[in-house]
Amino acid sequence: MGLINWIFDIYQHNQIDKARQEAAEARMEAARMASGSGQIDTRRLEDALGELALAAKTLQRVMVEKGLCTSEEFATTLRRVDQEDGRIDGKTPLG
């Protein structure tokens, strides 16, 4: 096996290991969202949604403050993205 193939093989194995780790972390996070009875823990879910909303609001504010877009441009793009799934409902499918 040539050196390039060997390096690429190491890189691929590293990417696979990274993906496995990320999947395991996602499974653990999903398990933490469930209560002992298997039901969704609404407090934890609301906390996670609050964190996501804060991150989105922060990104929007930074983009406007840095002059990357105006609030109007952001709102226009948000509406356009909202329409991509065929429904104007203020959300996007999670899948």
N, C-alpha and C. Protein backbone atom coordinates (compact mmCIF):
# COMPACT_ATOMS: atom_id res chain seq x y z
N MET A 1 0.85 -1.17 0.00
CA MET A 1 0.00 0.00 0.00
C MET A 1 0.89 1.23 0.00
N GLY A 2 0.55 2.18 -0.86
CA GLY A 2 1.33 3.40 -0.94
C GLY A 2 1.08 4.32 0.24
N LEU A 3 1.96 5.26 0.41
CA LEU A 3 1.87 6.21 1.53
C LEU A 3 0.57 7.00 1.49
N ILE A 4 0.15 7.45 0.32
CA ILE A 4 -1.09 8.23 0.20
C ILE A 4 -2.27 7.38 0.65
N ASN A 5 -2.32 6.13 0.20
CA ASN A 5 -3.42 5.25 0.60
C ASN A 5 -3.40 5.01 2.11
N TRP A 6 -2.24 4.87 2.67
CA TRP A 6 -2.10 4.62 4.10
C TRP A 6 -2.60 5.83 4.90
N ILE A 7 -2.21 7.02 4.46
CA ILE A 7 -2.66 8.25 5.13
C ILE A 7 -4.17 8.40 5.00
N PHE A 8 -4.71 8.14 3.81
CA PHE A 8 -6.15 8.24 3.60
C PHE A 8 -6.89 7.23 4.48
N ASP A 9 -6.33 6.04 4.60
CA ASP A 9 -6.95 5.00 5.43
C ASP A 9 -7.00 5.44 6.90
N ILE A 10 -5.93 6.02 7.38
CA ILE A 10 -5.91 6.52 8.76
C ILE A 10 -6.95 7.63 8.93
N TYR A 11 -7.00 8.53 7.95
CA TYR A 11 -7.99 9.61 8.00
C TYR A 11 -9.41 9.05 8.04
N GLN A 12 -9.70 8.08 7.19
CA GLN A 12 -11.05 7.49 7.14
C GLN A 12 -11.40 6.84 8.47
N HIS A 13 -10.47 6.10 9.05
CA HIS A 13 -10.72 5.45 10.34
C HIS A 13 -10.96 6.50 11.43
N ASN A 14 -10.23 7.59 11.37
CA ASN A 14 -10.43 8.67 12.32
C ASN A 14 -11.83 9.27 12.17
N GLN A 15 -12.28 9.48 10.92
CA GLN A 15 -13.61 10.03 10.67
C GLN A 15 -14.70 9.06 11.15
N ILE A 16 -14.50 7.78 10.94
CA ILE A 16 -15.46 6.77 11.39
C ILE A 16 -15.54 6.77 12.91
N ASP A 17 -14.39 6.81 13.57
CA ASP A 17 -14.37 6.84 15.04
C ASP A 17 -15.06 8.10 15.56
N LYS A 18 -14.83 9.22 14.90
CA LYS A 18 -15.46 10.47 15.31
C LYS A 18 -16.98 10.38 15.15
N ALA A 19 -17.44 9.82 14.05
CA ALA A 19 -18.88 9.66 13.83
C ALA A 19 -19.50 8.73 14.86
N ARG A 20 -18.80 7.67 15.20
CA ARG A 20 -19.29 6.75 16.23
C ARG A 20 -19.42 7.46 17.57
N GLN A 21 -18.43 8.26 17.92
CA GLN A 21 -18.46 8.99 19.18
C GLN A 21 -19.61 9.98 19.20
N GLU A 22 -19.81 10.71 18.10
CA GLU A 22 -20.91 11.67 18.03
C GLU A 22 -22.26 10.98 18.14
N ALA A 23 -22.39 9.81 17.52
CA ALA A 23 -23.64 9.05 17.60
C ALA A 23 -23.89 8.58 19.03
N ALA A 24 -22.84 8.12 19.70
CA ALA A 24 -22.98 7.68 21.09
C ALA A 24 -23.39 8.85 21.99
N GLU A 25 -22.80 10.02 21.76
CA GLU A 25 -23.16 11.20 22.54
C GLU A 25 -24.62 11.60 22.29
N ALA A 26 -25.06 11.50 21.05
CA ALA A 26 -26.45 11.84 20.73
C ALA A 26 -27.41 10.86 21.40
N ARG A 27 -27.05 9.57 21.41
CA ARG A 27 -27.89 8.58 22.08
C ARG A 27 -27.95 8.85 23.58
N MET A 28 -26.83 9.22 24.18
CA MET A 28 -26.82 9.52 25.61
C MET A 28 -27.66 10.76 25.91
N GLU A 29 -27.58 11.77 25.06
CA GLU A 29 -28.38 12.98 25.26
C GLU A 29 -29.86 12.66 25.13
N ALA A 30 -30.23 11.83 24.17
CA ALA A 30 -31.63 11.44 24.01
C ALA A 30 -32.10 10.66 25.23
N ALA A 31 -31.24 9.80 25.76
CA ALA A 31 -31.61 9.03 26.95
C ALA A 31 -31.80 9.96 28.15
N ARG A 32 -31.00 11.01 28.23
CA ARG A 32 -31.15 11.96 29.34
C ARG A 32 -32.46 12.73 29.24
N MET A 33 -32.99 12.87 28.03
CA MET A 33 -34.26 13.58 27.85
C MET A 33 -35.43 12.76 28.36
N ALA A 34 -35.26 11.44 28.45
CA ALA A 34 -36.35 10.57 28.90
C ALA A 34 -36.28 10.40 30.41
N SER A 35 -37.45 10.30 31.02
CA SER A 35 -37.50 10.04 32.45
C SER A 35 -37.34 8.55 32.69
N GLY A 36 -37.35 8.14 33.94
CA GLY A 36 -37.20 6.72 34.27
C GLY A 36 -38.29 5.85 33.67
N SER A 37 -39.48 6.40 33.44
CA SER A 37 -40.59 5.63 32.89
C SER A 37 -40.56 5.55 31.38
N GLY A 38 -39.57 6.19 30.76
CA GLY A 38 -39.47 6.18 29.31
C GLY A 38 -40.18 7.36 28.66
N GLN A 39 -40.90 8.14 29.46
CA GLN A 39 -41.58 9.33 28.94
C GLN A 39 -40.57 10.46 28.77
N ILE A 40 -40.90 11.38 27.90
CA ILE A 40 -40.02 12.53 27.68
C ILE A 40 -40.04 13.42 28.92
N ASP A 41 -38.89 13.81 29.37
CA ASP A 41 -38.75 14.73 30.49
C ASP A 41 -38.95 16.14 29.94
N THR A 42 -40.14 16.70 30.13
CA THR A 42 -40.47 17.98 29.52
C THR A 42 -39.58 19.12 30.02
N ARG A 43 -39.16 19.08 31.27
CA ARG A 43 -38.29 20.14 31.78
C ARG A 43 -36.98 20.14 31.03
N ARG A 44 -36.39 18.97 30.84
CA ARG A 44 -35.12 18.90 30.12
C ARG A 44 -35.30 19.29 28.65
N LEU A 45 -36.41 18.87 28.07
CA LEU A 45 -36.67 19.23 26.68
C LEU A 45 -36.84 20.74 26.54
N GLU A 46 -37.59 21.34 27.47
CA GLU A 46 -37.76 22.79 27.44
C GLU A 46 -36.44 23.51 27.66
N ASP A 47 -35.59 22.99 28.53
CA ASP A 47 -34.26 23.57 28.73
C ASP A 47 -33.45 23.51 27.43
N ALA A 48 -33.47 22.35 26.76
CA ALA A 48 -32.72 22.19 25.52
C ALA A 48 -33.26 23.14 24.44
N LEU A 49 -34.58 23.27 24.36
CA LEU A 49 -35.18 24.18 23.38
C LEU A 49 -34.82 25.63 23.70
N GLY A 50 -34.80 25.96 24.99
CA GLY A 50 -34.41 27.32 25.39
C GLY A 50 -32.97 27.62 25.00
N GLU A 51 -32.09 26.65 25.17
CA GLU A 51 -30.69 26.84 24.78
C GLU A 51 -30.58 27.03 23.27
N LEU A 52 -31.33 26.24 22.51
CA LEU A 52 -31.30 26.36 21.06
C LEU A 52 -31.85 27.71 20.61
N ALA A 53 -32.94 28.16 21.24
CA ALA A 53 -33.52 29.46 20.90
C ALA A 53 -32.53 30.58 21.21
N LEU A 54 -31.85 30.48 22.34
CA LEU A 54 -30.85 31.49 22.70
C LEU A 54 -29.72 31.52 21.68
N ALA A 55 -29.26 30.35 21.25
CA ALA A 55 -28.18 30.30 20.25
C ALA A 55 -28.63 30.92 18.94
N ALA A 56 -29.85 30.62 18.50
CA ALA A 56 -30.35 31.17 17.24
C ALA A 56 -30.49 32.69 17.34
N LYS A 57 -31.03 33.17 18.45
CA LYS A 57 -31.19 34.62 18.64
C LYS A 57 -29.83 35.31 18.67
N THR A 58 -28.86 34.68 19.31
CA THR A 58 -27.51 35.25 19.38
C THR A 58 -26.87 35.31 18.00
N LEU A 59 -27.02 34.25 17.22
CA LEU A 59 -26.47 34.24 15.86
C LEU A 59 -27.10 35.33 15.00
N GLN A 60 -28.42 35.48 15.11
CA GLN A 60 -29.10 36.53 14.35
C GLN A 60 -28.56 37.90 14.73
N ARG A 61 -28.44 38.15 16.02
CA ARG A 61 -27.97 39.46 16.49
C ARG A 61 -26.55 39.73 16.02
N VAL A 62 -25.66 38.74 16.12
CA VAL A 62 -24.27 38.92 15.69
C VAL A 62 -24.22 39.21 14.19
N MET A 63 -25.02 38.50 13.42
CA MET A 63 -25.02 38.71 11.96
C MET A 63 -25.46 40.13 11.62
N VAL A 64 -26.48 40.63 12.31
CA VAL A 64 -26.96 41.99 12.05
C VAL A 64 -25.93 43.01 12.54
N GLU A 65 -25.39 42.81 13.76
CA GLU A 65 -24.42 43.76 14.30
C GLU A 65 -23.14 43.81 13.48
N LYS A 66 -22.72 42.67 12.90
CA LYS A 66 -21.51 42.64 12.08
C LYS A 66 -21.77 43.13 10.65
N GLY A 67 -23.03 43.43 10.35
CA GLY A 67 -23.36 43.92 9.02
C GLY A 67 -23.44 42.84 7.96
N LEU A 68 -23.55 41.59 8.37
CA LEU A 68 -23.67 40.51 7.39
C LEU A 68 -25.03 40.53 6.71
N CYS A 69 -26.04 41.03 7.42
CA CYS A 69 -27.38 41.18 6.87
C CYS A 69 -28.15 42.16 7.75
N THR A 70 -29.28 42.61 7.24
CA THR A 70 -30.16 43.45 8.05
C THR A 70 -31.20 42.56 8.70
N SER A 71 -31.91 43.11 9.67
CA SER A 71 -33.00 42.35 10.30
C SER A 71 -34.05 41.96 9.27
N GLU A 72 -34.31 42.86 8.32
CA GLU A 72 -35.29 42.59 7.28
C GLU A 72 -34.83 41.46 6.37
N GLU A 73 -33.54 41.47 5.99
CA GLU A 73 -33.00 40.39 5.16
C GLU A 73 -33.09 39.06 5.89
N PHE A 74 -32.79 39.07 7.17
CA PHE A 74 -32.87 37.85 7.96
C PHE A 74 -34.30 37.34 7.98
N ALA A 75 -35.26 38.24 8.22
CA ALA A 75 -36.67 37.84 8.28
C ALA A 75 -37.15 37.32 6.92
N THR A 76 -36.72 37.94 5.84
CA THR A 76 -37.10 37.49 4.50
C THR A 76 -36.56 36.09 4.23
N THR A 77 -35.30 35.88 4.58
CA THR A 77 -34.70 34.55 4.38
C THR A 77 -35.36 33.52 5.27
N LEU A 78 -35.69 33.90 6.50
CA LEU A 78 -36.37 32.99 7.41
C LEU A 78 -37.71 32.54 6.81
N ARG A 79 -38.48 33.48 6.26
CA ARG A 79 -39.76 33.11 5.64
C ARG A 79 -39.54 32.21 4.43
N ARG A 80 -38.51 32.49 3.63
CA ARG A 80 -38.22 31.67 2.46
C ARG A 80 -37.85 30.25 2.86
N VAL A 81 -37.02 30.12 3.90
CA VAL A 81 -36.63 28.80 4.39
C VAL A 81 -37.84 28.08 4.98
N ASP A 82 -38.71 28.82 5.67
CA ASP A 82 -39.92 28.23 6.25
C ASP A 82 -40.79 27.60 5.17
N GLN A 83 -40.82 28.19 3.99
CA GLN A 83 -41.65 27.69 2.90
C GLN A 83 -41.08 26.46 2.21
N GLU A 84 -39.82 26.15 2.44
CA GLU A 84 -39.15 25.06 1.72
C GLU A 84 -39.81 23.70 1.94
N ASP A 85 -40.44 23.50 3.08
CA ASP A 85 -41.09 22.20 3.33
C ASP A 85 -42.55 22.19 2.87
N GLY A 86 -42.97 23.29 2.20
CA GLY A 86 -44.31 23.35 1.67
C GLY A 86 -45.35 23.89 2.63
N ARG A 87 -44.94 24.21 3.84
CA ARG A 87 -45.86 24.75 4.86
C ARG A 87 -45.24 25.98 5.48
N ILE A 88 -46.03 27.03 5.59
CA ILE A 88 -45.57 28.23 6.27
C ILE A 88 -46.13 28.14 7.69
N ASP A 89 -45.28 27.60 8.59
CA ASP A 89 -45.75 27.35 9.95
C ASP A 89 -44.76 27.80 11.02
N GLY A 90 -43.70 28.49 10.61
CA GLY A 90 -42.75 29.01 11.59
C GLY A 90 -41.81 27.98 12.16
N LYS A 91 -41.70 26.83 11.50
CA LYS A 91 -40.77 25.80 11.97
C LYS A 91 -40.31 24.98 10.79
N THR A 92 -39.31 24.14 11.05
CA THR A 92 -38.76 23.29 10.01
C THR A 92 -38.77 21.85 10.51
N PRO A 93 -38.91 20.88 9.62
CA PRO A 93 -38.87 19.48 10.07
C PRO A 93 -37.52 19.16 10.72
N LEU A 94 -37.54 18.32 11.72
CA LEU A 94 -36.31 17.96 12.42
C LEU A 94 -35.52 16.91 11.68
N GLY A 95 -36.11 16.20 10.80
CA GLY A 95 -35.43 15.10 10.10
C GLY A 95 -34.78 15.48 8.83
